[in-house]
Amino acid sequence: MLPAPLQVLYEDKQLLAVNKPQGLVTEYEPHLNFTLESMAMNYIRSQEKYPQKCFIGLPHRLDRPVSGVVLFAKKKSVLKMLMEIFSKREIEKTYLAIVENTPPKAEDELVNWLVKDTKIRKAIILNREVKDAMRVVLRYKLISQNQTGSQLEIKLITGKFHQIRAQLAHMGCPIIGDAHYGSTKPYKENAVCLHAQQLKLIHPVTHEPLVLMAEVPDDEIWRSFFK
């Protein structure tokens, strides 16, 4: 099955931002016919006079079942600058999630410690620091509720492996469709109700403020919160 055409959110000589669909792997993998990175490269090549000289680089990633904004660099020098921006957390990341249950507070900051279990590819969340654990922080706000679940806006502060999915599940509110972290409500295959809605940063070359926004998936569950 062919993926949907690449949805370009922003493009200039240095950057390309796209809305990643659910179920698509972000980073290039040789055994996969389609990844977001390979589709972005094909798109760039189709625009250029000398396609063999094209470059595409990823300063960040989204999990396969997650949708939303992904930012690419079109030059190696720009990729280096973007990676520094992400490393220094000079970027604001906003996510939307639809979760099971009602969070204990309407608004809160979650501070936990995360251990990555590589055997089962799962993030284990702890309430105290242990050896090799990473401190993880996010802020959430309850936006709305209906018979399906609760919609949360999330400001991601640290950005570690499966962090949002694991921290929300640890709070008792697994993301709908995320059976890996305890969700009991069905959703689409290779998809969870987590969407990277917005990235805010200073453009690494022009130094102008840049706000990148992506529309949520067009399906029954998401539409029920945006009537």
C-alpha atoms as a PDB file:
ATOM      1  CA  MET A   1       0.000   0.000   0.000  1.00  0.00           C
ATOM      2  CA  LEU A   2       1.363   3.382  -1.022  1.00  0.00           C
ATOM      3  CA  PRO A   3       1.587   6.092   1.652  1.00  0.00           C
ATOM      4  CA  ALA A   4      -0.239   9.382   1.172  1.00  0.00           C
ATOM      5  CA  PRO A   5       1.658  12.103  -0.732  1.00  0.00           C
ATOM      6  CA  LEU A   6       4.091  14.133   1.343  1.00  0.00           C
ATOM      7  CA  GLN A   7       2.289  16.990   3.112  1.00  0.00           C
ATOM      8  CA  VAL A   8       4.691  19.943   3.098  1.00  0.00           C
ATOM      9  CA  LEU A   9       4.142  22.489   5.875  1.00  0.00           C
ATOM     10  CA  TYR A  10       7.102  24.780   5.206  1.00  0.00           C
ATOM     11  CA  GLU A  11      10.048  24.943   2.843  1.00  0.00           C
ATOM     12  CA  ASP A  12      12.917  27.262   2.050  1.00  0.00           C
ATOM     13  CA  LYS A  13      16.528  26.781   0.898  1.00  0.00           C
ATOM     14  CA  GLN A  14      17.609  25.434   4.280  1.00  0.00           C
ATOM     15  CA  LEU A  15      14.584  23.655   5.801  1.00  0.00           C
ATOM     16  CA  LEU A  16      11.718  21.333   4.950  1.00  0.00           C
ATOM     17  CA  ALA A  17       8.894  20.666   7.424  1.00  0.00           C
ATOM     18  CA  VAL A  18       6.252  18.007   6.778  1.00  0.00           C
ATOM     19  CA  ASN A  19       3.245  16.471   8.523  1.00  0.00           C
ATOM     20  CA  LYS A  20       4.196  12.863   9.213  1.00  0.00           C
ATOM     21  CA  PRO A  21       1.279  10.427   8.878  1.00  0.00           C
ATOM     22  CA  GLN A  22       0.648   7.707  11.440  1.00  0.00           C
ATOM     23  CA  GLY A  23       2.248   4.330  10.771  1.00  0.00           C
ATOM     24  CA  LEU A  24       5.176   5.630   8.723  1.00  0.00           C
ATOM     25  CA  VAL A  25       8.729   5.133  10.002  1.00  0.00           C
ATOM     26  CA  THR A  26      10.550   8.474  10.248  1.00  0.00           C
ATOM     27  CA  GLU A  27      14.166   7.544   9.597  1.00  0.00           C
ATOM     28  CA  TYR A  28      15.487   5.884   6.431  1.00  0.00           C
ATOM     29  CA  GLU A  29      15.797   2.097   6.663  1.00  0.00           C
ATOM     30  CA  PRO A  30      17.151   0.124   3.684  1.00  0.00           C
ATOM     31  CA  HIS A  31      14.668  -2.766   4.061  1.00  0.00           C
ATOM     32  CA  LEU A  32      11.616  -0.467   3.885  1.00  0.00           C
ATOM     33  CA  ASN A  33      10.206   0.766   0.593  1.00  0.00           C
ATOM     34  CA  PHE A  34       8.863   3.962   2.172  1.00  0.00           C
ATOM     35  CA  THR A  35       9.970   6.042   5.125  1.00  0.00           C
ATOM     36  CA  LEU A  36       9.354   9.710   5.797  1.00  0.00           C
ATOM     37  CA  GLU A  37      13.032  10.460   5.193  1.00  0.00           C
ATOM     38  CA  SER A  38      13.132   8.637   1.841  1.00  0.00           C
ATOM     39  CA  MET A  39       9.926  10.377   0.728  1.00  0.00           C
ATOM     40  CA  ALA A  40      11.391  13.748   1.725  1.00  0.00           C
ATOM     41  CA  MET A  41      14.559  13.008  -0.236  1.00  0.00           C
ATOM     42  CA  ASN A  42      12.536  12.025  -3.323  1.00  0.00           C
ATOM     43  CA  TYR A  43      10.542  15.236  -2.990  1.00  0.00           C
ATOM     44  CA  ILE A  44      13.702  17.369  -2.748  1.00  0.00           C
ATOM     45  CA  ARG A  45      15.269  15.602  -5.709  1.00  0.00           C
ATOM     46  CA  SER A  46      12.161  16.236  -7.806  1.00  0.00           C
ATOM     47  CA  GLN A  47      12.572  19.989  -7.210  1.00  0.00           C
ATOM     48  CA  GLU A  48      16.282  20.307  -7.989  1.00  0.00           C
ATOM     49  CA  LYS A  49      18.264  20.682 -11.195  1.00  0.00           C
ATOM     50  CA  TYR A  50      21.044  18.450  -9.850  1.00  0.00           C
ATOM     51  CA  PRO A  51      19.211  15.796  -7.780  1.00  0.00           C
ATOM     52  CA  GLN A  52      22.352  13.750  -7.119  1.00  0.00           C
ATOM     53  CA  LYS A  53      23.697  16.609  -4.990  1.00  0.00           C
ATOM     54  CA  CYS A  54      20.647  16.806  -2.736  1.00  0.00           C
ATOM     55  CA  PHE A  55      20.925  16.338   1.026  1.00  0.00           C
ATOM     56  CA  ILE A  56      18.312  15.684   3.677  1.00  0.00           C
ATOM     57  CA  GLY A  57      19.052  15.386   7.397  1.00  0.00           C
ATOM     58  CA  LEU A  58      16.999  14.635  10.501  1.00  0.00           C
ATOM     59  CA  PRO A  59      17.630  16.524  13.751  1.00  0.00           C
ATOM     60  CA  HIS A  60      14.751  14.716  15.545  1.00  0.00           C
ATOM     61  CA  ARG A  61      12.280  11.850  15.119  1.00  0.00           C
ATOM     62  CA  LEU A  62       8.731  10.750  15.837  1.00  0.00           C
ATOM     63  CA  ASP A  63       7.739   7.198  16.762  1.00  0.00           C
ATOM     64  CA  ARG A  64       6.155   5.206  13.932  1.00  0.00           C
ATOM     65  CA  PRO A  65       2.566   5.336  15.317  1.00  0.00           C
ATOM     66  CA  VAL A  66       2.765   9.102  16.043  1.00  0.00           C
ATOM     67  CA  SER A  67       1.767  11.835  13.572  1.00  0.00           C
ATOM     68  CA  GLY A  68       2.763  15.483  13.252  1.00  0.00           C
ATOM     69  CA  VAL A  69       5.503  17.988  12.495  1.00  0.00           C
ATOM     70  CA  VAL A  70       8.898  16.676  11.439  1.00  0.00           C
ATOM     71  CA  LEU A  71      11.639  19.115  10.483  1.00  0.00           C
ATOM     72  CA  PHE A  72      14.411  18.281   7.992  1.00  0.00           C
ATOM     73  CA  ALA A  73      17.604  20.127   7.118  1.00  0.00           C
ATOM     74  CA  LYS A  74      18.485  20.502   3.420  1.00  0.00           C
ATOM     75  CA  LYS A  75      22.165  21.210   4.066  1.00  0.00           C
ATOM     76  CA  LYS A  76      24.745  19.506   6.314  1.00  0.00           C
ATOM     77  CA  SER A  77      25.705  22.809   7.924  1.00  0.00           C
ATOM     78  CA  VAL A  78      22.049  23.514   8.749  1.00  0.00           C
ATOM     79  CA  LEU A  79      21.602  20.025  10.190  1.00  0.00           C
ATOM     80  CA  LYS A  80      24.466  20.709  12.587  1.00  0.00           C
ATOM     81  CA  MET A  81      22.816  23.975  13.685  1.00  0.00           C
ATOM     82  CA  LEU A  82      19.428  22.315  14.147  1.00  0.00           C
ATOM     83  CA  MET A  83      20.907  19.482  16.187  1.00  0.00           C
ATOM     84  CA  GLU A  84      22.442  22.066  18.496  1.00  0.00           C
ATOM     85  CA  ILE A  85      19.073  23.839  18.819  1.00  0.00           C
ATOM     86  CA  PHE A  86      17.378  20.567  19.790  1.00  0.00           C
ATOM     87  CA  SER A  87      20.225  19.569  22.108  1.00  0.00           C
ATOM     88  CA  LYS A  88      20.070  22.898  23.962  1.00  0.00           C
ATOM     89  CA  ARG A  89      16.248  22.701  24.058  1.00  0.00           C
ATOM     90  CA  GLU A  90      15.953  26.038  22.295  1.00  0.00           C
ATOM     91  CA  ILE A  91      12.754  24.795  20.708  1.00  0.00           C
ATOM     92  CA  GLU A  92       9.187  24.511  21.982  1.00  0.00           C
ATOM     93  CA  LYS A  93       7.386  21.239  21.226  1.00  0.00           C
ATOM     94  CA  THR A  94       3.610  21.007  21.608  1.00  0.00           C
ATOM     95  CA  TYR A  95       1.728  17.728  21.300  1.00  0.00           C
ATOM     96  CA  LEU A  96      -1.923  16.732  21.457  1.00  0.00           C
ATOM     97  CA  ALA A  97      -2.947  13.391  22.935  1.00  0.00           C
ATOM     98  CA  ILE A  98      -6.256  11.613  23.425  1.00  0.00           C
ATOM     99  CA  VAL A  99      -6.003   9.421  26.489  1.00  0.00           C
ATOM    100  CA  GLU A 100      -8.103   6.984  28.442  1.00  0.00           C
ATOM    101  CA  ASN A 101      -9.449   8.127  31.799  1.00  0.00           C
ATOM    102  CA  THR A 102      -9.385  11.567  33.402  1.00  0.00           C
ATOM    103  CA  PRO A 103      -6.003  12.888  34.584  1.00  0.00           C
ATOM    104  CA  PRO A 104      -5.701  13.421  38.369  1.00  0.00           C
ATOM    105  CA  LYS A 105      -5.215  17.167  37.818  1.00  0.00           C
ATOM    106  CA  ALA A 106      -6.483  19.461  35.066  1.00  0.00           C
ATOM    107  CA  GLU A 107      -2.962  20.808  34.636  1.00  0.00           C
ATOM    108  CA  ASP A 108       0.367  19.562  35.973  1.00  0.00           C
ATOM    109  CA  GLU A 109       4.077  19.042  35.434  1.00  0.00           C
ATOM    110  CA  LEU A 110       5.216  15.418  35.438  1.00  0.00           C
ATOM    111  CA  VAL A 111       8.758  14.759  36.634  1.00  0.00           C
ATOM    112  CA  ASN A 112       9.904  11.135  36.554  1.00  0.00           C
ATOM    113  CA  TRP A 113      12.889   8.965  35.736  1.00  0.00           C
ATOM    114  CA  LEU A 114      12.983   6.792  32.626  1.00  0.00           C
ATOM    115  CA  VAL A 115      14.853   3.558  31.998  1.00  0.00           C
ATOM    116  CA  LYS A 116      14.879   2.141  28.461  1.00  0.00           C
ATOM    117  CA  ASP A 117      14.345  -1.622  28.297  1.00  0.00           C
ATOM    118  CA  THR A 118      15.980  -2.488  24.968  1.00  0.00           C
ATOM    119  CA  LYS A 119      14.791  -6.113  24.997  1.00  0.00           C
ATOM    120  CA  ILE A 120      11.117  -5.175  24.812  1.00  0.00           C
ATOM    121  CA  ARG A 121      11.642  -1.665  23.380  1.00  0.00           C
ATOM    122  CA  LYS A 122       9.756  -0.064  26.227  1.00  0.00           C
ATOM    123  CA  ALA A 123      10.311   2.899  28.531  1.00  0.00           C
ATOM    124  CA  ILE A 124       9.993   2.086  32.226  1.00  0.00           C
ATOM    125  CA  ILE A 125       8.904   5.089  34.319  1.00  0.00           C
ATOM    126  CA  LEU A 126      10.020   5.444  37.934  1.00  0.00           C
ATOM    127  CA  ASN A 127       9.191   7.982  40.642  1.00  0.00           C
ATOM    128  CA  ARG A 128      12.758   8.135  41.926  1.00  0.00           C
ATOM    129  CA  GLU A 129      16.241   8.237  40.481  1.00  0.00           C
ATOM    130  CA  VAL A 130      18.111   4.966  39.963  1.00  0.00           C
ATOM    131  CA  LYS A 131      21.320   4.040  38.156  1.00  0.00           C
ATOM    132  CA  ASP A 132      21.217   4.751  34.386  1.00  0.00           C
ATOM    133  CA  ALA A 133      17.808   6.442  34.630  1.00  0.00           C
ATOM    134  CA  MET A 134      17.131   9.663  32.729  1.00  0.00           C
ATOM    135  CA  ARG A 135      15.153  12.519  34.266  1.00  0.00           C
ATOM    136  CA  VAL A 136      12.098  13.279  32.124  1.00  0.00           C
ATOM    137  CA  VAL A 137       9.777  16.268  32.314  1.00  0.00           C
ATOM    138  CA  LEU A 138       6.580  17.274  30.537  1.00  0.00           C
ATOM    139  CA  ARG A 139       3.692  19.622  31.228  1.00  0.00           C
ATOM    140  CA  TYR A 140       0.118  18.760  30.327  1.00  0.00           C
ATOM    141  CA  LYS A 141      -3.205  20.571  30.315  1.00  0.00           C
ATOM    142  CA  LEU A 142      -6.664  19.037  29.987  1.00  0.00           C
ATOM    143  CA  ILE A 143      -8.308  20.626  26.938  1.00  0.00           C
ATOM    144  CA  SER A 144     -11.594  18.755  26.620  1.00  0.00           C
ATOM    145  CA  GLN A 145     -13.386  15.480  27.310  1.00  0.00           C
ATOM    146  CA  ASN A 146     -16.064  13.373  25.643  1.00  0.00           C
ATOM    147  CA  GLN A 147     -17.292   9.779  25.742  1.00  0.00           C
ATOM    148  CA  THR A 148     -14.095   8.613  24.038  1.00  0.00           C
ATOM    149  CA  GLY A 149     -11.557  10.045  26.456  1.00  0.00           C
ATOM    150  CA  SER A 150      -9.627  13.148  27.459  1.00  0.00           C
ATOM    151  CA  GLN A 151      -7.748  15.466  25.120  1.00  0.00           C
ATOM    152  CA  LEU A 152      -4.480  16.813  26.538  1.00  0.00           C
ATOM    153  CA  GLU A 153      -2.112  19.512  25.332  1.00  0.00           C
ATOM    154  CA  ILE A 154       1.474  18.571  26.159  1.00  0.00           C
ATOM    155  CA  LYS A 155       4.592  20.715  26.322  1.00  0.00           C
ATOM    156  CA  LEU A 156       7.531  18.348  26.021  1.00  0.00           C
ATOM    157  CA  ILE A 157      10.506  19.561  28.040  1.00  0.00           C
ATOM    158  CA  THR A 158      13.070  16.754  27.724  1.00  0.00           C
ATOM    159  CA  GLY A 159      12.130  14.473  24.822  1.00  0.00           C
ATOM    160  CA  LYS A 160      13.390  10.944  25.564  1.00  0.00           C
ATOM    161  CA  PHE A 161      12.512   7.500  24.165  1.00  0.00           C
ATOM    162  CA  HIS A 162       8.707   6.963  24.279  1.00  0.00           C
ATOM    163  CA  GLN A 163       8.595   9.614  27.010  1.00  0.00           C
ATOM    164  CA  ILE A 164       5.090  11.016  26.485  1.00  0.00           C
ATOM    165  CA  ARG A 165       3.554   7.593  25.949  1.00  0.00           C
ATOM    166  CA  ALA A 166       5.205   6.128  29.051  1.00  0.00           C
ATOM    167  CA  GLN A 167       4.680   9.081  31.400  1.00  0.00           C
ATOM    168  CA  LEU A 168       0.981   9.422  30.577  1.00  0.00           C
ATOM    169  CA  ALA A 169       0.480   5.679  31.030  1.00  0.00           C
ATOM    170  CA  HIS A 170       2.314   5.857  34.362  1.00  0.00           C
ATOM    171  CA  MET A 171      -0.139   8.610  35.376  1.00  0.00           C
ATOM    172  CA  GLY A 172      -3.020   6.214  34.658  1.00  0.00           C
ATOM    173  CA  CYS A 173      -3.954   7.756  31.289  1.00  0.00           C
ATOM    174  CA  PRO A 174      -2.549   5.615  28.456  1.00  0.00           C
ATOM    175  CA  ILE A 175      -2.851   7.086  24.977  1.00  0.00           C
ATOM    176  CA  ILE A 176      -5.723   5.527  23.032  1.00  0.00           C
ATOM    177  CA  GLY A 177      -4.473   2.807  20.707  1.00  0.00           C
ATOM    178  CA  ASP A 178      -1.166   2.417  22.554  1.00  0.00           C
ATOM    179  CA  ALA A 179      -1.530  -1.209  23.696  1.00  0.00           C
ATOM    180  CA  HIS A 180       2.252  -1.304  24.284  1.00  0.00           C
ATOM    181  CA  TYR A 181       1.646   1.024  27.244  1.00  0.00           C
ATOM    182  CA  GLY A 182      -1.626  -0.401  28.508  1.00  0.00           C
ATOM    183  CA  SER A 183      -4.356   1.115  26.330  1.00  0.00           C
ATOM    184  CA  THR A 184      -7.479  -1.044  26.159  1.00  0.00           C
ATOM    185  CA  LYS A 185      -9.303   1.043  23.557  1.00  0.00           C
ATOM    186  CA  PRO A 186      -8.856   0.065  19.897  1.00  0.00           C
ATOM    187  CA  TYR A 187      -7.594   2.447  17.244  1.00  0.00           C
ATOM    188  CA  LYS A 188      -6.011   2.086  13.811  1.00  0.00           C
ATOM    189  CA  GLU A 189      -3.191  -0.368  13.113  1.00  0.00           C
ATOM    190  CA  ASN A 190       0.299   1.053  13.732  1.00  0.00           C
ATOM    191  CA  ALA A 191      -1.210   4.245  15.144  1.00  0.00           C
ATOM    192  CA  VAL A 192      -1.809   5.927  18.498  1.00  0.00           C
ATOM    193  CA  CYS A 193      -3.688   9.117  19.360  1.00  0.00           C
ATOM    194  CA  LEU A 194      -0.564  11.253  19.812  1.00  0.00           C
ATOM    195  CA  HIS A 195       0.135  14.149  17.459  1.00  0.00           C
ATOM    196  CA  ALA A 196       3.105  16.529  17.294  1.00  0.00           C
ATOM    197  CA  GLN A 197       1.053  19.656  16.667  1.00  0.00           C
ATOM    198  CA  GLN A 198       3.646  22.436  16.747  1.00  0.00           C
ATOM    199  CA  LEU A 199       7.343  23.314  16.744  1.00  0.00           C
ATOM    200  CA  LYS A 200       8.498  26.837  17.629  1.00  0.00           C
ATOM    201  CA  LEU A 201      12.098  27.881  17.086  1.00  0.00           C
ATOM    202  CA  ILE A 202      14.371  30.574  15.744  1.00  0.00           C
ATOM    203  CA  HIS A 203      15.354  29.860  12.143  1.00  0.00           C
ATOM    204  CA  PRO A 204      19.022  28.791  12.253  1.00  0.00           C
ATOM    205  CA  VAL A 205      19.963  30.875   9.197  1.00  0.00           C
ATOM    206  CA  THR A 206      17.579  33.835   8.968  1.00  0.00           C
ATOM    207  CA  HIS A 207      17.191  34.092  12.782  1.00  0.00           C
ATOM    208  CA  GLU A 208      13.490  34.851  12.337  1.00  0.00           C
ATOM    209  CA  PRO A 209      10.846  33.220  14.594  1.00  0.00           C
ATOM    210  CA  LEU A 210       9.434  30.089  12.974  1.00  0.00           C
ATOM    211  CA  VAL A 211       6.174  28.380  13.963  1.00  0.00           C
ATOM    212  CA  LEU A 212       5.410  25.043  12.286  1.00  0.00           C
ATOM    213  CA  MET A 213       1.930  23.554  12.757  1.00  0.00           C
ATOM    214  CA  ALA A 214       0.354  20.307  11.545  1.00  0.00           C
ATOM    215  CA  GLU A 215      -3.326  19.376  11.367  1.00  0.00           C
ATOM    216  CA  VAL A 216      -4.433  16.354  13.399  1.00  0.00           C
ATOM    217  CA  PRO A 217      -5.336  13.092  11.608  1.00  0.00           C
ATOM    218  CA  ASP A 218      -8.704  13.105   9.867  1.00  0.00           C
ATOM    219  CA  ASP A 219     -10.498  10.248  11.592  1.00  0.00           C
ATOM    220  CA  GLU A 220     -13.566   9.755  13.767  1.00  0.00           C
ATOM    221  CA  ILE A 221     -11.801   9.939  17.142  1.00  0.00           C
ATOM    222  CA  TRP A 222      -9.881  13.136  16.401  1.00  0.00           C
ATOM    223  CA  ARG A 223     -12.883  14.754  14.678  1.00  0.00           C
ATOM    224  CA  SER A 224     -14.994  14.149  17.803  1.00  0.00           C
ATOM    225  CA  PHE A 225     -12.793  16.671  19.638  1.00  0.00           C
ATOM    226  CA  PHE A 226     -12.823  19.298  16.885  1.00  0.00           C
ATOM    227  CA  LYS A 227     -16.506  19.703  16.081  1.00  0.00           C
END
